[in-house]
Amino acid sequence: MITRDDLSRFRAEMLLYCGMCMDEKPEGVRPQDWSRLSFGSFHKEGEPGIYLQLWCDRHDANVTTIWIQTGQWEHADHNPIRIEGASTGIEN
Protein backbone atom coordinates (compact mmCIF):
# COMPACT_ATOMS: atom_id res chain seq x y z
CA MET A 1 0.00 0.00 0.00
CA ILE A 2 1.30 3.46 -0.87
CA THR A 3 1.29 5.87 2.05
CA ARG A 4 1.54 9.65 2.20
CA ASP A 5 5.18 9.24 3.33
CA ASP A 6 5.92 7.28 0.13
CA LEU A 7 4.77 10.27 -1.93
CA SER A 8 6.57 12.96 0.07
CA ARG A 9 9.83 12.53 -1.86
CA PHE A 10 10.97 11.53 -5.34
CA ARG A 11 11.25 7.74 -5.22
CA ALA A 12 11.83 6.85 -8.88
CA GLU A 13 14.24 3.99 -9.47
CA MET A 14 14.12 4.50 -13.21
CA LEU A 15 13.96 7.80 -15.13
CA LEU A 16 12.50 8.20 -18.62
CA TYR A 17 13.77 10.75 -21.13
CA CYS A 18 13.37 11.41 -24.83
CA GLY A 19 16.23 9.65 -26.62
CA MET A 20 16.48 12.47 -29.18
CA CYS A 21 16.79 15.07 -26.41
CA MET A 22 19.53 13.08 -24.72
CA ASP A 23 21.42 12.85 -28.03
CA GLU A 24 21.26 16.67 -28.33
CA LYS A 25 21.84 17.49 -24.63
CA PRO A 26 24.83 19.80 -24.10
CA GLU A 27 27.63 18.37 -21.98
CA GLY A 28 27.40 19.37 -18.35
CA VAL A 29 23.61 19.87 -18.44
CA ARG A 30 21.52 17.51 -16.30
CA PRO A 31 18.86 15.49 -18.15
CA GLN A 32 16.21 16.92 -15.78
CA ASP A 33 17.20 20.46 -16.78
CA TRP A 34 17.26 19.71 -20.52
CA SER A 35 14.05 17.68 -20.81
CA ARG A 36 10.80 19.29 -21.94
CA LEU A 37 8.21 16.63 -21.17
CA SER A 38 4.44 16.57 -20.70
CA PHE A 39 2.53 13.77 -19.00
CA GLY A 40 -1.11 12.91 -19.45
CA SER A 41 -3.71 10.18 -19.82
CA PHE A 42 -6.34 9.07 -22.30
CA HIS A 43 -8.90 6.31 -22.72
CA LYS A 44 -9.80 4.37 -25.87
CA GLU A 45 -13.52 3.68 -26.14
CA GLY A 46 -14.33 0.01 -25.83
CA GLU A 47 -11.02 -0.84 -24.11
CA PRO A 48 -10.65 -1.37 -20.38
CA GLY A 49 -8.06 0.66 -18.51
CA ILE A 50 -6.31 3.92 -19.33
CA TYR A 51 -3.18 4.97 -21.19
CA LEU A 52 -0.58 7.23 -19.58
CA GLN A 53 1.53 9.09 -22.12
CA LEU A 54 4.91 10.80 -21.72
CA TRP A 55 5.40 13.35 -24.52
CA CYS A 56 8.49 15.27 -25.66
CA ASP A 57 7.46 18.89 -26.23
CA ARG A 58 10.81 19.75 -27.87
CA HIS A 59 10.50 17.09 -30.59
CA ASP A 60 6.69 16.81 -30.63
CA ALA A 61 7.15 13.05 -30.20
CA ASN A 62 5.89 10.23 -27.99
CA VAL A 63 8.47 9.08 -25.43
CA THR A 64 6.40 6.20 -24.12
CA THR A 65 2.83 5.16 -23.48
CA ILE A 66 1.95 2.95 -20.52
CA TRP A 67 -1.31 1.01 -20.42
CA ILE A 68 -2.87 0.39 -17.00
CA GLN A 69 -5.64 -2.14 -16.42
CA THR A 70 -6.82 -3.56 -13.09
CA GLY A 71 -3.60 -2.80 -11.24
CA GLN A 72 -1.30 -4.24 -13.91
CA TRP A 73 0.80 -2.08 -16.21
CA GLU A 74 2.94 -2.53 -19.27
CA HIS A 75 4.69 -0.29 -21.76
CA ALA A 76 2.41 0.07 -24.77
CA ASP A 77 5.23 1.33 -27.01
CA HIS A 78 8.82 2.50 -26.86
CA ASN A 79 9.71 5.28 -29.29
CA PRO A 80 11.95 7.16 -28.72
CA ILE A 81 12.89 6.17 -25.17
CA ARG A 82 15.97 6.49 -22.98
CA ILE A 83 15.91 4.78 -19.59
CA GLU A 84 18.60 5.75 -17.11
CA GLY A 85 19.58 3.37 -14.36
CA ALA A 86 17.92 0.30 -15.85
CA SER A 87 18.81 -2.35 -18.39
CA THR A 88 15.72 -2.98 -20.51
CA GLY A 89 17.03 -4.38 -23.77
CA ILE A 90 15.39 -1.47 -25.59
CA GLU A 91 17.60 -0.05 -28.34
CA ASN A 92 17.31 3.55 -29.56
PDB file of N, CA and C in Angstrom:
ATOM      1  N   MET A   1       0.843  -1.179   0.000  1.00  0.00           N
ATOM      2  CA  MET A   1       0.000   0.000   0.000  1.00  0.00           C
ATOM      3  C   MET A   1       0.890   1.245   0.000  1.00  0.00           C
ATOM      4  N   ILE A   2       0.556   2.217  -0.816  1.00  0.00           N
ATOM      5  CA  ILE A   2       1.297   3.465  -0.868  1.00  0.00           C
ATOM      6  C   ILE A   2       0.764   4.392   0.206  1.00  0.00           C
ATOM      7  N   THR A   3       1.679   4.944   0.995  1.00  0.00           N
ATOM      8  CA  THR A   3       1.291   5.867   2.055  1.00  0.00           C
ATOM      9  C   THR A   3       1.667   7.292   1.666  1.00  0.00           C
ATOM     10  N   ARG A   4       1.192   8.245   2.436  1.00  0.00           N
ATOM     11  CA  ARG A   4       1.538   9.651   2.198  1.00  0.00           C
ATOM     12  C   ARG A   4       3.049   9.852   2.289  1.00  0.00           C
ATOM     13  N   ASP A   5       3.718   9.142   3.203  1.00  0.00           N
ATOM     14  CA  ASP A   5       5.179   9.245   3.331  1.00  0.00           C
ATOM     15  C   ASP A   5       5.880   8.779   2.058  1.00  0.00           C
ATOM     16  N   ASP A   6       5.329   7.773   1.382  1.00  0.00           N
ATOM     17  CA  ASP A   6       5.921   7.281   0.134  1.00  0.00           C
ATOM     18  C   ASP A   6       5.905   8.356  -0.944  1.00  0.00           C
ATOM     19  N   LEU A   7       4.932   9.255  -0.892  1.00  0.00           N
ATOM     20  CA  LEU A   7       4.770  10.266  -1.926  1.00  0.00           C
ATOM     21  C   LEU A   7       5.381  11.611  -1.544  1.00  0.00           C
ATOM     22  N   SER A   8       6.027  11.686  -0.385  1.00  0.00           N
ATOM     23  CA  SER A   8       6.566  12.958   0.073  1.00  0.00           C
ATOM     24  C   SER A   8       7.965  13.239  -0.465  1.00  0.00           C
ATOM     25  N   ARG A   9       8.513  12.312  -1.243  1.00  0.00           N
ATOM     26  CA  ARG A   9       9.826  12.526  -1.862  1.00  0.00           C
ATOM     27  C   ARG A   9       9.869  11.780  -3.189  1.00  0.00           C
ATOM     28  N   PHE A  10      10.813  12.168  -4.027  1.00  0.00           N
ATOM     29  CA  PHE A  10      10.968  11.534  -5.336  1.00  0.00           C
ATOM     30  C   PHE A  10      11.561  10.150  -5.139  1.00  0.00           C
ATOM     31  N   ARG A  11      10.844   9.112  -5.504  1.00  0.00           N
ATOM     32  CA  ARG A  11      11.252   7.738  -5.225  1.00  0.00           C
ATOM     33  C   ARG A  11      11.585   6.940  -6.480  1.00  0.00           C
ATOM     34  N   ALA A  12      11.640   7.582  -7.626  1.00  0.00           N
ATOM     35  CA  ALA A  12      11.835   6.850  -8.876  1.00  0.00           C
ATOM     36  C   ALA A  12      13.136   6.068  -8.864  1.00  0.00           C
ATOM     37  N   GLU A  13      13.071   4.835  -9.306  1.00  0.00           N
ATOM     38  CA  GLU A  13      14.242   3.987  -9.465  1.00  0.00           C
ATOM     39  C   GLU A  13      14.690   3.952 -10.919  1.00  0.00           C
ATOM     40  N   MET A  14      13.848   4.482 -11.790  1.00  0.00           N
ATOM     41  CA  MET A  14      14.121   4.497 -13.214  1.00  0.00           C
ATOM     42  C   MET A  14      13.582   5.816 -13.763  1.00  0.00           C
ATOM     43  N   LEU A  15      14.379   6.521 -14.565  1.00  0.00           N
ATOM     44  CA  LEU A  15      13.956   7.797 -15.131  1.00  0.00           C
ATOM     45  C   LEU A  15      13.802   7.662 -16.636  1.00  0.00           C
ATOM     46  N   LEU A  16      12.762   8.264 -17.186  1.00  0.00           N
ATOM     47  CA  LEU A  16      12.497   8.200 -18.617  1.00  0.00           C
ATOM     48  C   LEU A  16      12.757   9.553 -19.255  1.00  0.00           C
ATOM     49  N   TYR A  17      13.472   9.540 -20.373  1.00  0.00           N
ATOM     50  CA  TYR A  17      13.765  10.752 -21.129  1.00  0.00           C
ATOM     51  C   TYR A  17      13.564  10.474 -22.604  1.00  0.00           C
ATOM     52  N   CYS A  18      13.405  11.527 -23.379  1.00  0.00           N
ATOM     53  CA  CYS A  18      13.366  11.408 -24.835  1.00  0.00           C
ATOM     54  C   CYS A  18      14.779  11.091 -25.321  1.00  0.00           C
ATOM     55  N   GLY A  19      14.922  10.035 -26.089  1.00  0.00           N
ATOM     56  CA  GLY A  19      16.227   9.653 -26.625  1.00  0.00           C
ATOM     57  C   GLY A  19      16.825  10.724 -27.520  1.00  0.00           C
ATOM     58  N   MET A  20      15.971  11.413 -28.302  1.00  0.00           N
ATOM     59  CA  MET A  20      16.478  12.470 -29.184  1.00  0.00           C
ATOM     60  C   MET A  20      17.005  13.642 -28.362  1.00  0.00           C
ATOM     61  N   CYS A  21      16.313  13.996 -27.284  1.00  0.00           N
ATOM     62  CA  CYS A  21      16.789  15.075 -26.414  1.00  0.00           C
ATOM     63  C   CYS A  21      18.134  14.717 -25.790  1.00  0.00           C
ATOM     64  N   MET A  22      18.283  13.478 -25.357  1.00  0.00           N
ATOM     65  CA  MET A  22      19.532  13.077 -24.716  1.00  0.00           C
ATOM     66  C   MET A  22      20.682  13.079 -25.722  1.00  0.00           C
ATOM     67  N   ASP A  23      20.395  12.775 -26.993  1.00  0.00           N
ATOM     68  CA  ASP A  23      21.424  12.846 -28.035  1.00  0.00           C
ATOM     69  C   ASP A  23      21.871  14.283 -28.284  1.00  0.00           C
ATOM     70  N   GLU A  24      20.980  15.249 -28.064  1.00  0.00           N
ATOM     71  CA  GLU A  24      21.260  16.666 -28.326  1.00  0.00           C
ATOM     72  C   GLU A  24      21.670  17.438 -27.074  1.00  0.00           C
ATOM     73  N   LYS A  25      21.588  16.814 -25.901  1.00  0.00           N
ATOM     74  CA  LYS A  25      21.841  17.488 -24.632  1.00  0.00           C
ATOM     75  C   LYS A  25      23.276  17.998 -24.559  1.00  0.00           C
ATOM     76  N   PRO A  26      23.471  19.285 -24.247  1.00  0.00           N
ATOM     77  CA  PRO A  26      24.829  19.802 -24.096  1.00  0.00           C
ATOM     78  C   PRO A  26      25.548  19.136 -22.919  1.00  0.00           C
ATOM     79  N   GLU A  27      26.836  18.957 -23.055  1.00  0.00           N
ATOM     80  CA  GLU A  27      27.632  18.366 -21.981  1.00  0.00           C
ATOM     81  C   GLU A  27      27.562  19.254 -20.744  1.00  0.00           C
ATOM     82  N   GLY A  28      27.445  18.631 -19.601  1.00  0.00           N
ATOM     83  CA  GLY A  28      27.395  19.367 -18.348  1.00  0.00           C
ATOM     84  C   GLY A  28      26.003  19.784 -17.927  1.00  0.00           C
ATOM     85  N   VAL A  29      24.999  19.545 -18.766  1.00  0.00           N
ATOM     86  CA  VAL A  29      23.610  19.872 -18.437  1.00  0.00           C
ATOM     87  C   VAL A  29      22.920  18.597 -17.960  1.00  0.00           C
ATOM     88  N   ARG A  30      22.233  18.682 -16.832  1.00  0.00           N
ATOM     89  CA  ARG A  30      21.523  17.510 -16.303  1.00  0.00           C
ATOM     90  C   ARG A  30      20.321  17.172 -17.184  1.00  0.00           C
ATOM     91  N   PRO A  31      20.032  15.876 -17.360  1.00  0.00           N
ATOM     92  CA  PRO A  31      18.858  15.494 -18.155  1.00  0.00           C
ATOM     93  C   PRO A  31      17.573  16.156 -17.659  1.00  0.00           C
ATOM     94  N   GLN A  32      17.412  16.289 -16.332  1.00  0.00           N
ATOM     95  CA  GLN A  32      16.211  16.918 -15.779  1.00  0.00           C
ATOM     96  C   GLN A  32      16.092  18.377 -16.219  1.00  0.00           C
ATOM     97  N   ASP A  33      17.221  19.053 -16.381  1.00  0.00           N
ATOM     98  CA  ASP A  33      17.200  20.460 -16.781  1.00  0.00           C
ATOM     99  C   ASP A  33      16.992  20.624 -18.282  1.00  0.00           C
ATOM    100  N   TRP A  34      17.358  19.625 -19.071  1.00  0.00           N
ATOM    101  CA  TRP A  34      17.263  19.710 -20.522  1.00  0.00           C
ATOM    102  C   TRP A  34      15.908  19.230 -21.045  1.00  0.00           C
ATOM    103  N   SER A  35      15.307  18.283 -20.353  1.00  0.00           N
ATOM    104  CA  SER A  35      14.052  17.677 -20.814  1.00  0.00           C
ATOM    105  C   SER A  35      12.917  18.691 -20.853  1.00  0.00           C
ATOM    106  N   ARG A  36      12.042  18.514 -21.827  1.00  0.00           N
ATOM    107  CA  ARG A  36      10.797  19.288 -21.939  1.00  0.00           C
ATOM    108  C   ARG A  36       9.679  18.276 -22.175  1.00  0.00           C
ATOM    109  N   LEU A  37       9.169  17.720 -21.084  1.00  0.00           N
ATOM    110  CA  LEU A  37       8.211  16.628 -21.174  1.00  0.00           C
ATOM    111  C   LEU A  37       6.847  17.027 -20.622  1.00  0.00           C
ATOM    112  N   SER A  38       5.810  16.455 -21.207  1.00  0.00           N
ATOM    113  CA  SER A  38       4.443  16.567 -20.696  1.00  0.00           C
ATOM    114  C   SER A  38       3.951  15.160 -20.393  1.00  0.00           C
ATOM    115  N   PHE A  39       3.047  15.060 -19.421  1.00  0.00           N
ATOM    116  CA  PHE A  39       2.531  13.773 -18.996  1.00  0.00           C
ATOM    117  C   PHE A  39       1.015  13.875 -18.924  1.00  0.00           C
ATOM    118  N   GLY A  40       0.337  12.889 -19.489  1.00  0.00           N
ATOM    119  CA  GLY A  40      -1.115  12.913 -19.451  1.00  0.00           C
ATOM    120  C   GLY A  40      -1.702  11.532 -19.630  1.00  0.00           C
ATOM    121  N   SER A  41      -3.028  11.476 -19.680  1.00  0.00           N
ATOM    122  CA  SER A  41      -3.708  10.185 -19.821  1.00  0.00           C
ATOM    123  C   SER A  41      -4.828  10.299 -20.842  1.00  0.00           C
ATOM    124  N   PHE A  42      -5.194   9.139 -21.405  1.00  0.00           N
ATOM    125  CA  PHE A  42      -6.340   9.070 -22.301  1.00  0.00           C
ATOM    126  C   PHE A  42      -6.945   7.680 -22.231  1.00  0.00           C
ATOM    127  N   HIS A  43      -8.152   7.570 -22.732  1.00  0.00           N
ATOM    128  CA  HIS A  43      -8.895   6.308 -22.719  1.00  0.00           C
ATOM    129  C   HIS A  43      -9.372   6.022 -24.138  1.00  0.00           C
ATOM    130  N   LYS A  44      -9.267   4.773 -24.565  1.00  0.00           N
ATOM    131  CA  LYS A  44      -9.804   4.373 -25.868  1.00  0.00           C
ATOM    132  C   LYS A  44     -11.151   3.702 -25.645  1.00  0.00           C
ATOM    133  N   GLU A  45     -12.183   4.220 -26.312  1.00  0.00           N
ATOM    134  CA  GLU A  45     -13.523   3.682 -26.138  1.00  0.00           C
ATOM    135  C   GLU A  45     -13.561   2.195 -26.481  1.00  0.00           C
ATOM    136  N   GLY A  46     -14.198   1.446 -25.619  1.00  0.00           N
ATOM    137  CA  GLY A  46     -14.331   0.012 -25.832  1.00  0.00           C
ATOM    138  C   GLY A  46     -13.194  -0.806 -25.239  1.00  0.00           C
ATOM    139  N   GLU A  47     -12.145  -0.136 -24.744  1.00  0.00           N
ATOM    140  CA  GLU A  47     -11.024  -0.841 -24.114  1.00  0.00           C
ATOM    141  C   GLU A  47     -11.033  -0.571 -22.619  1.00  0.00           C
ATOM    142  N   PRO A  48     -10.755  -1.597 -21.825  1.00  0.00           N
ATOM    143  CA  PRO A  48     -10.654  -1.370 -20.380  1.00  0.00           C
ATOM    144  C   PRO A  48      -9.336  -0.663 -20.053  1.00  0.00           C
ATOM    145  N   GLY A  49      -9.303   0.034 -18.960  1.00  0.00           N
ATOM    146  CA  GLY A  49      -8.065   0.661 -18.508  1.00  0.00           C
ATOM    147  C   GLY A  49      -7.845   2.027 -19.131  1.00  0.00           C
ATOM    148  N   ILE A  50      -6.693   2.608 -18.802  1.00  0.00           N
ATOM    149  CA  ILE A  50      -6.309   3.917 -19.329  1.00  0.00           C
ATOM    150  C   ILE A  50      -4.877   3.851 -19.852  1.00  0.00           C
ATOM    151  N   TYR A  51      -4.538   4.813 -20.690  1.00  0.00           N
ATOM    152  CA  TYR A  51      -3.181   4.971 -21.189  1.00  0.00           C
ATOM    153  C   TYR A  51      -2.575   6.209 -20.545  1.00  0.00           C
ATOM    154  N   LEU A  52      -1.353   6.094 -20.055  1.00  0.00           N
ATOM    155  CA  LEU A  52      -0.582   7.232 -19.580  1.00  0.00           C
ATOM    156  C   LEU A  52       0.480   7.503 -20.626  1.00  0.00           C
ATOM    157  N   GLN A  53       0.606   8.754 -21.046  1.00  0.00           N
ATOM    158  CA  GLN A  53       1.531   9.091 -22.123  1.00  0.00           C
ATOM    159  C   GLN A  53       2.547  10.125 -21.654  1.00  0.00           C
ATOM    160  N   LEU A  54       3.819   9.863 -21.960  1.00  0.00           N
ATOM    161  CA  LEU A  54       4.912  10.802 -21.720  1.00  0.00           C
ATOM    162  C   LEU A  54       5.316  11.360 -23.079  1.00  0.00           C
ATOM    163  N   TRP A  55       5.252  12.686 -23.231  1.00  0.00           N
ATOM    164  CA  TRP A  55       5.397  13.349 -24.518  1.00  0.00           C
ATOM    165  C   TRP A  55       6.563  14.316 -24.485  1.00  0.00           C
ATOM    166  N   CYS A  56       7.398  14.309 -25.534  1.00  0.00           N
ATOM    167  CA  CYS A  56       8.490  15.267 -25.658  1.00  0.00           C
ATOM    168  C   CYS A  56       7.965  16.513 -26.366  1.00  0.00           C
ATOM    169  N   ASP A  57       7.943  17.639 -25.650  1.00  0.00           N
ATOM    170  CA  ASP A  57       7.463  18.894 -26.233  1.00  0.00           C
ATOM    171  C   ASP A  57       8.486  19.466 -27.217  1.00  0.00           C
ATOM    172  N   ARG A  58       9.765  19.236 -26.980  1.00  0.00           N
ATOM    173  CA  ARG A  58      10.810  19.753 -27.870  1.00  0.00           C
ATOM    174  C   ARG A  58      10.721  19.121 -29.250  1.00  0.00           C
ATOM    175  N   HIS A  59      10.512  17.810 -29.319  1.00  0.00           N
ATOM    176  CA  HIS A  59      10.498  17.088 -30.591  1.00  0.00           C
ATOM    177  C   HIS A  59       9.090  16.743 -31.070  1.00  0.00           C
ATOM    178  N   ASP A  60       8.076  17.124 -30.288  1.00  0.00           N
ATOM    179  CA  ASP A  60       6.694  16.806 -30.627  1.00  0.00           C
ATOM    180  C   ASP A  60       6.581  15.308 -30.943  1.00  0.00           C
ATOM    181  N   ALA A  61       7.069  14.499 -29.985  1.00  0.00           N
ATOM    182  CA  ALA A  61       7.146  13.052 -30.196  1.00  0.00           C
ATOM    183  C   ALA A  61       6.758  12.299 -28.929  1.00  0.00           C
ATOM    184  N   ASN A  62       6.213  11.106 -29.100  1.00  0.00           N
ATOM    185  CA  ASN A  62       5.892  10.231 -27.992  1.00  0.00           C
ATOM    186  C   ASN A  62       7.171   9.646 -27.414  1.00  0.00           C
ATOM    187  N   VAL A  63       7.338   9.724 -26.093  1.00  0.00           N
ATOM    188  CA  VAL A  63       8.468   9.077 -25.427  1.00  0.00           C
ATOM    189  C   VAL A  63       8.072   7.657 -25.062  1.00  0.00           C
ATOM    190  N   THR A  64       6.945   7.520 -24.399  1.00  0.00           N
ATOM    191  CA  THR A  64       6.403   6.197 -24.118  1.00  0.00           C
ATOM    192  C   THR A  64       4.934   6.327 -23.735  1.00  0.00           C
ATOM    193  N   THR A  65       4.208   5.241 -23.910  1.00  0.00           N
ATOM    194  CA  THR A  65       2.826   5.159 -23.477  1.00  0.00           C
ATOM    195  C   THR A  65       2.704   3.911 -22.614  1.00  0.00           C
ATOM    196  N   ILE A  66       2.107   4.064 -21.457  1.00  0.00           N
ATOM    197  CA  ILE A  66       1.951   2.952 -20.521  1.00  0.00           C
ATOM    198  C   ILE A  66       0.461   2.670 -20.379  1.00  0.00           C
ATOM    199  N   TRP A  67       0.088   1.422 -20.523  1.00  0.00           N
ATOM    200  CA  TRP A  67      -1.305   1.010 -20.416  1.00  0.00           C
ATOM    201  C   TRP A  67      -1.528   0.421 -19.035  1.00  0.00           C
ATOM    202  N   ILE A  68      -2.561   0.880 -18.346  1.00  0.00           N
ATOM    203  CA  ILE A  68      -2.870   0.391 -16.998  1.00  0.00           C
ATOM    204  C   ILE A  68      -4.269  -0.213 -17.005  1.00  0.00           C
ATOM    205  N   GLN A  69      -4.342  -1.459 -16.532  1.00  0.00           N
ATOM    206  CA  GLN A  69      -5.637  -2.139 -16.423  1.00  0.00           C
ATOM    207  C   GLN A  69      -5.635  -2.964 -15.146  1.00  0.00           C
ATOM    208  N   THR A  70      -6.615  -2.788 -14.321  1.00  0.00           N
ATOM    209  CA  THR A  70      -6.823  -3.556 -13.090  1.00  0.00           C
ATOM    210  C   THR A  70      -5.536  -3.777 -12.297  1.00  0.00           C
ATOM    211  N   GLY A  71      -4.785  -2.709 -12.083  1.00  0.00           N
ATOM    212  CA  GLY A  71      -3.601  -2.799 -11.239  1.00  0.00           C
ATOM    213  C   GLY A  71      -2.367  -3.333 -11.925  1.00  0.00           C
ATOM    214  N   GLN A  72      -2.472  -3.770 -13.176  1.00  0.00           N
ATOM    215  CA  GLN A  72      -1.301  -4.243 -13.906  1.00  0.00           C
ATOM    216  C   GLN A  72      -0.914  -3.179 -14.917  1.00  0.00           C
ATOM    217  N   TRP A  73       0.380  -3.066 -15.218  1.00  0.00           N
ATOM    218  CA  TRP A  73       0.800  -2.085 -16.210  1.00  0.00           C
ATOM    219  C   TRP A  73       1.838  -2.688 -17.129  1.00  0.00           C
ATOM    220  N   GLU A  74       1.928  -2.130 -18.308  1.00  0.00           N
ATOM    221  CA  GLU A  74       2.944  -2.532 -19.271  1.00  0.00           C
ATOM    222  C   GLU A  74       3.195  -1.364 -20.206  1.00  0.00           C
ATOM    223  N   HIS A  75       4.400  -1.318 -20.775  1.00  0.00           N
ATOM    224  CA  HIS A  75       4.687  -0.292 -21.764  1.00  0.00           C
ATOM    225  C   HIS A  75       3.933  -0.630 -23.035  1.00  0.00           C
ATOM    226  N   ALA A  76       3.165   0.309 -23.552  1.00  0.00           N
ATOM    227  CA  ALA A  76       2.414   0.067 -24.771  1.00  0.00           C
ATOM    228  C   ALA A  76       3.287   0.273 -26.004  1.00  0.00           C
ATOM    229  N   ASP A  77       4.284   1.137 -25.904  1.00  0.00           N
ATOM    230  CA  ASP A  77       5.226   1.330 -27.008  1.00  0.00           C
ATOM    231  C   ASP A  77       6.502   1.972 -26.479  1.00  0.00           C
ATOM    232  N   HIS A  78       7.497   2.066 -27.323  1.00  0.00           N
ATOM    233  CA  HIS A  78       8.818   2.503 -26.864  1.00  0.00           C
ATOM    234  C   HIS A  78       9.516   3.390 -27.885  1.00  0.00           C
ATOM    235  N   ASN A  79       8.941   4.461 -28.364  1.00  0.00           N
ATOM    236  CA  ASN A  79       9.711   5.279 -29.288  1.00  0.00           C
ATOM    237  C   ASN A  79       9.522   6.743 -28.995  1.00  0.00           C
ATOM    238  N   PRO A  80      10.573   7.523 -29.040  1.00  0.00           N
ATOM    239  CA  PRO A  80      11.951   7.163 -28.723  1.00  0.00           C
ATOM    240  C   PRO A  80      12.126   7.197 -27.212  1.00  0.00           C
ATOM    241  N   ILE A  81      12.800   6.254 -26.631  1.00  0.00           N
ATOM    242  CA  ILE A  81      12.888   6.171 -25.174  1.00  0.00           C
ATOM    243  C   ILE A  81      14.343   6.040 -24.731  1.00  0.00           C
ATOM    244  N   ARG A  82      14.664   6.650 -23.618  1.00  0.00           N
ATOM    245  CA  ARG A  82      15.969   6.488 -22.978  1.00  0.00           C
ATOM    246  C   ARG A  82      15.678   6.214 -21.518  1.00  0.00           C
ATOM    247  N   ILE A  83      16.154   5.124 -21.000  1.00  0.00           N
ATOM    248  CA  ILE A  83      15.913   4.781 -19.593  1.00  0.00           C
ATOM    249  C   ILE A  83      17.248   4.799 -18.883  1.00  0.00           C
ATOM    250  N   GLU A  84      17.369   5.664 -17.876  1.00  0.00           N
ATOM    251  CA  GLU A  84      18.599   5.746 -17.109  1.00  0.00           C
ATOM    252  C   GLU A  84      18.477   4.877 -15.886  1.00  0.00           C
ATOM    253  N   GLY A  85      19.535   4.148 -15.576  1.00  0.00           N
ATOM    254  CA  GLY A  85      19.578   3.367 -14.357  1.00  0.00           C
ATOM    255  C   GLY A  85      18.906   2.024 -14.472  1.00  0.00           C
ATOM    256  N   ALA A  86      18.576   1.596 -15.693  1.00  0.00           N
ATOM    257  CA  ALA A  86      17.923   0.296 -15.850  1.00  0.00           C
ATOM    258  C   ALA A  86      18.349  -0.334 -17.172  1.00  0.00           C
ATOM    259  N   SER A  87      18.510  -1.620 -17.170  1.00  0.00           N
ATOM    260  CA  SER A  87      18.806  -2.354 -18.394  1.00  0.00           C
ATOM    261  C   SER A  87      17.510  -2.968 -18.880  1.00  0.00           C
ATOM    262  N   THR A  88      17.030  -2.515 -20.048  1.00  0.00           N
ATOM    263  CA  THR A  88      15.723  -2.980 -20.513  1.00  0.00           C
ATOM    264  C   THR A  88      15.812  -3.784 -21.793  1.00  0.00           C
ATOM    265  N   GLY A  89      16.927  -3.728 -22.481  1.00  0.00           N
ATOM    266  CA  GLY A  89      17.027  -4.379 -23.770  1.00  0.00           C
ATOM    267  C   GLY A  89      16.426  -3.561 -24.883  1.00  0.00           C
ATOM    268  N   ILE A  90      15.975  -2.342 -24.579  1.00  0.00           N
ATOM    269  CA  ILE A  90      15.388  -1.466 -25.593  1.00  0.00           C
ATOM    270  C   ILE A  90      16.508  -0.696 -26.271  1.00  0.00           C
ATOM    271  N   GLU A  91      16.579  -0.777 -27.577  1.00  0.00           N
ATOM    272  CA  GLU A  91      17.604  -0.052 -28.336  1.00  0.00           C
ATOM    273  C   GLU A  91      16.988   1.214 -28.895  1.00  0.00           C
ATOM    274  N   ASN A  92      17.765   2.309 -28.927  1.00  0.00           N
ATOM    275  CA  ASN A  92      17.305   3.546 -29.563  1.00  0.00           C
ATOM    276  C   ASN A  92      17.799   3.591 -30.975  1.00  0.00           C
TER     277      ASN A  92
END
